[in-house]
């Protein structure tokens, strides 16, 4: 895989990050290979929990692709995967994204509460 020309900016993007959303075109086979690299760089190397990563497999309108037929690598199989098609069901992706954001906010809040309690005691 060739290095991305913006790879030098990645440390600035990942600094203090609490979650990662990886959106890819599910209808493009090369994207299925590339998300392994994104996962490695933005989740594993940042030591983020898998629960803080959301995969969004976007399907272009009229592509007719099968949502259940994605062959993801083993590390990606355990991540939350949402299929999106903004023409057929835009509400589904909105609801799933809001649930994801709420889980991140709750997790960060709980972590800060624990940290504050450890300082107090």
C-alpha atoms as a PDB file:
ATOM      1  CA  UNK A   1       0.000   0.000   0.000  1.00  0.00           C
ATOM      2  CA  UNK A   2       1.409   3.374  -0.950  1.00  0.00           C
ATOM      3  CA  UNK A   3       1.822   5.999   1.766  1.00  0.00           C
ATOM      4  CA  UNK A   4      -0.765   8.730   1.811  1.00  0.00           C
ATOM      5  CA  UNK A   5       0.518  12.177   0.927  1.00  0.00           C
ATOM      6  CA  UNK A   6      -1.184  13.537   4.056  1.00  0.00           C
ATOM      7  CA  UNK A   7       0.286  10.926   6.398  1.00  0.00           C
ATOM      8  CA  UNK A   8       2.503  13.565   8.024  1.00  0.00           C
ATOM      9  CA  UNK A   9      -0.691  15.270   9.282  1.00  0.00           C
ATOM     10  CA  UNK A  10      -2.056  12.150  10.995  1.00  0.00           C
ATOM     11  CA  UNK A  11      -0.488  12.830  14.407  1.00  0.00           C
ATOM     12  CA  UNK A  12      -2.353  16.138  14.558  1.00  0.00           C
ATOM     13  CA  UNK A  13      -5.607  14.378  13.632  1.00  0.00           C
ATOM     14  CA  UNK A  14      -5.204  11.612  16.180  1.00  0.00           C
ATOM     15  CA  UNK A  15      -3.999  13.711  19.118  1.00  0.00           C
ATOM     16  CA  UNK A  16      -6.481  13.411  21.988  1.00  0.00           C
ATOM     17  CA  UNK A  17      -8.976  11.537  19.807  1.00  0.00           C
ATOM     18  CA  UNK A  18     -11.648   9.513  21.560  1.00  0.00           C
ATOM     19  CA  UNK A  19     -13.147   7.714  18.572  1.00  0.00           C
ATOM     20  CA  UNK A  20     -12.791   6.942  14.900  1.00  0.00           C
ATOM     21  CA  UNK A  21     -15.374   6.678  12.134  1.00  0.00           C
ATOM     22  CA  UNK A  22     -14.158   4.945   8.991  1.00  0.00           C
ATOM     23  CA  UNK A  23     -16.400   5.480   5.977  1.00  0.00           C
ATOM     24  CA  UNK A  24     -15.701   3.459   2.851  1.00  0.00           C
ATOM     25  CA  UNK A  25     -17.331   2.609  -0.444  1.00  0.00           C
ATOM     26  CA  UNK A  26     -18.525  -0.953   0.055  1.00  0.00           C
ATOM     27  CA  UNK A  27     -18.908  -1.357  -3.705  1.00  0.00           C
ATOM     28  CA  UNK A  28     -15.164  -0.853  -4.349  1.00  0.00           C
ATOM     29  CA  UNK A  29     -13.058  -3.962  -3.585  1.00  0.00           C
ATOM     30  CA  UNK A  30      -9.862  -1.959  -3.027  1.00  0.00           C
ATOM     31  CA  UNK A  31     -11.559  -0.037  -0.202  1.00  0.00           C
ATOM     32  CA  UNK A  32     -12.058  -3.284   1.718  1.00  0.00           C
ATOM     33  CA  UNK A  33      -8.265  -3.706   1.733  1.00  0.00           C
ATOM     34  CA  UNK A  34      -7.565  -0.076   2.596  1.00  0.00           C
ATOM     35  CA  UNK A  35      -9.724  -0.028   5.718  1.00  0.00           C
ATOM     36  CA  UNK A  36      -7.262  -2.456   7.336  1.00  0.00           C
ATOM     37  CA  UNK A  37      -4.604   0.252   7.020  1.00  0.00           C
ATOM     38  CA  UNK A  38      -6.935   2.948   8.387  1.00  0.00           C
ATOM     39  CA  UNK A  39      -7.860   0.707  11.305  1.00  0.00           C
ATOM     40  CA  UNK A  40      -4.221  -0.001  12.075  1.00  0.00           C
ATOM     41  CA  UNK A  41      -3.166   3.655  11.924  1.00  0.00           C
ATOM     42  CA  UNK A  42      -6.136   5.318  13.582  1.00  0.00           C
ATOM     43  CA  UNK A  43      -7.380   2.692  16.053  1.00  0.00           C
ATOM     44  CA  UNK A  44      -4.675   0.165  16.933  1.00  0.00           C
ATOM     45  CA  UNK A  45      -1.697   2.542  16.942  1.00  0.00           C
ATOM     46  CA  UNK A  46      -3.674   5.047  19.018  1.00  0.00           C
ATOM     47  CA  UNK A  47      -4.595   2.277  21.471  1.00  0.00           C
ATOM     48  CA  UNK A  48      -8.299   3.038  21.092  1.00  0.00           C
ATOM     49  CA  UNK A  49     -10.777   0.395  22.151  1.00  0.00           C
ATOM     50  CA  UNK A  50     -12.617  -1.294  19.307  1.00  0.00           C
ATOM     51  CA  UNK A  51     -15.888  -0.019  20.788  1.00  0.00           C
ATOM     52  CA  UNK A  52     -14.721   3.469  19.888  1.00  0.00           C
ATOM     53  CA  UNK A  53     -14.560   2.679  16.180  1.00  0.00           C
ATOM     54  CA  UNK A  54     -17.504   2.758  13.789  1.00  0.00           C
ATOM     55  CA  UNK A  55     -17.317   1.379  10.261  1.00  0.00           C
ATOM     56  CA  UNK A  56     -19.740   2.831   7.736  1.00  0.00           C
ATOM     57  CA  UNK A  57     -20.051   0.816   4.539  1.00  0.00           C
ATOM     58  CA  UNK A  58     -21.569   3.225   2.050  1.00  0.00           C
ATOM     59  CA  UNK A  59     -23.494   1.860  -0.912  1.00  0.00           C
ATOM     60  CA  UNK A  60     -24.134   4.176  -3.818  1.00  0.00           C
ATOM     61  CA  UNK A  61     -27.785   4.498  -4.815  1.00  0.00           C
ATOM     62  CA  UNK A  62     -28.704   1.906  -7.390  1.00  0.00           C
ATOM     63  CA  UNK A  63     -25.592  -0.180  -6.829  1.00  0.00           C
ATOM     64  CA  UNK A  64     -27.707  -3.213  -5.979  1.00  0.00           C
ATOM     65  CA  UNK A  65     -24.952  -4.609  -3.779  1.00  0.00           C
ATOM     66  CA  UNK A  66     -25.625  -7.137  -1.042  1.00  0.00           C
ATOM     67  CA  UNK A  67     -25.243  -5.560   2.400  1.00  0.00           C
ATOM     68  CA  UNK A  68     -24.518  -8.878   4.076  1.00  0.00           C
ATOM     69  CA  UNK A  69     -21.764  -9.948   1.703  1.00  0.00           C
ATOM     70  CA  UNK A  70     -18.751  -7.952   2.954  1.00  0.00           C
ATOM     71  CA  UNK A  71     -15.633  -9.968   3.665  1.00  0.00           C
ATOM     72  CA  UNK A  72     -13.813  -7.998   6.343  1.00  0.00           C
ATOM     73  CA  UNK A  73     -10.519  -9.092   7.886  1.00  0.00           C
ATOM     74  CA  UNK A  74     -10.659 -10.648  11.384  1.00  0.00           C
ATOM     75  CA  UNK A  75      -9.786  -7.476  13.347  1.00  0.00           C
ATOM     76  CA  UNK A  76     -12.513  -5.555  11.495  1.00  0.00           C
ATOM     77  CA  UNK A  77     -15.153  -8.261  12.006  1.00  0.00           C
ATOM     78  CA  UNK A  78     -15.534  -7.307  15.665  1.00  0.00           C
ATOM     79  CA  UNK A  79     -16.224  -3.616  14.975  1.00  0.00           C
ATOM     80  CA  UNK A  80     -19.654  -2.033  14.758  1.00  0.00           C
ATOM     81  CA  UNK A  81     -20.578  -1.985  11.056  1.00  0.00           C
ATOM     82  CA  UNK A  82     -23.371   0.153   9.640  1.00  0.00           C
ATOM     83  CA  UNK A  83     -24.479   0.091   6.018  1.00  0.00           C
ATOM     84  CA  UNK A  84     -25.514   3.400   4.521  1.00  0.00           C
ATOM     85  CA  UNK A  85     -27.478   4.307   1.464  1.00  0.00           C
ATOM     86  CA  UNK A  86     -28.623   7.884   1.749  1.00  0.00           C
ATOM     87  CA  UNK A  87     -31.218   7.503  -0.954  1.00  0.00           C
ATOM     88  CA  UNK A  88     -32.962   4.429   0.447  1.00  0.00           C
ATOM     89  CA  UNK A  89     -32.694   4.997   4.197  1.00  0.00           C
ATOM     90  CA  UNK A  90     -30.990   8.219   5.364  1.00  0.00           C
ATOM     91  CA  UNK A  91     -32.587   7.981   8.805  1.00  0.00           C
ATOM     92  CA  UNK A  92     -30.849   4.687   9.667  1.00  0.00           C
ATOM     93  CA  UNK A  93     -27.359   6.143   9.353  1.00  0.00           C
ATOM     94  CA  UNK A  94     -28.343   9.244  11.337  1.00  0.00           C
ATOM     95  CA  UNK A  95     -29.707   7.117  14.200  1.00  0.00           C
ATOM     96  CA  UNK A  96     -26.641   4.854  14.244  1.00  0.00           C
ATOM     97  CA  UNK A  97     -24.249   7.805  14.193  1.00  0.00           C
ATOM     98  CA  UNK A  98     -26.062   9.488  17.093  1.00  0.00           C
ATOM     99  CA  UNK A  99     -25.890   6.222  19.091  1.00  0.00           C
ATOM    100  CA  UNK A 100     -22.162   6.051  18.362  1.00  0.00           C
ATOM    101  CA  UNK A 101     -21.575   9.666  19.457  1.00  0.00           C
ATOM    102  CA  UNK A 102     -23.559   9.099  22.667  1.00  0.00           C
ATOM    103  CA  UNK A 103     -21.439   6.052  23.496  1.00  0.00           C
ATOM    104  CA  UNK A 104     -18.230   8.076  23.000  1.00  0.00           C
ATOM    105  CA  UNK A 105     -19.497  10.955  25.143  1.00  0.00           C
ATOM    106  CA  UNK A 106     -20.608   8.558  27.899  1.00  0.00           C
ATOM    107  CA  UNK A 107     -17.289   6.730  27.839  1.00  0.00           C
ATOM    108  CA  UNK A 108     -15.268   9.960  28.030  1.00  0.00           C
ATOM    109  CA  UNK A 109     -17.495  11.283  30.809  1.00  0.00           C
ATOM    110  CA  UNK A 110     -17.137   8.082  32.853  1.00  0.00           C
ATOM    111  CA  UNK A 111     -13.373   8.134  32.371  1.00  0.00           C
ATOM    112  CA  UNK A 112     -13.143  11.736  33.573  1.00  0.00           C
ATOM    113  CA  UNK A 113     -15.368  10.975  36.559  1.00  0.00           C
ATOM    114  CA  UNK A 114     -13.084   8.081  37.560  1.00  0.00           C
ATOM    115  CA  UNK A 115     -10.028  10.295  37.153  1.00  0.00           C
ATOM    116  CA  UNK A 116     -11.565  13.029  39.306  1.00  0.00           C
ATOM    117  CA  UNK A 117     -12.524  10.520  42.000  1.00  0.00           C
ATOM    118  CA  UNK A 118      -8.990   9.140  42.072  1.00  0.00           C
ATOM    119  CA  UNK A 119      -7.633  12.649  42.630  1.00  0.00           C
ATOM    120  CA  UNK A 120     -10.117  13.347  45.437  1.00  0.00           C
ATOM    121  CA  UNK A 121      -9.465  10.108  47.315  1.00  0.00           C
END
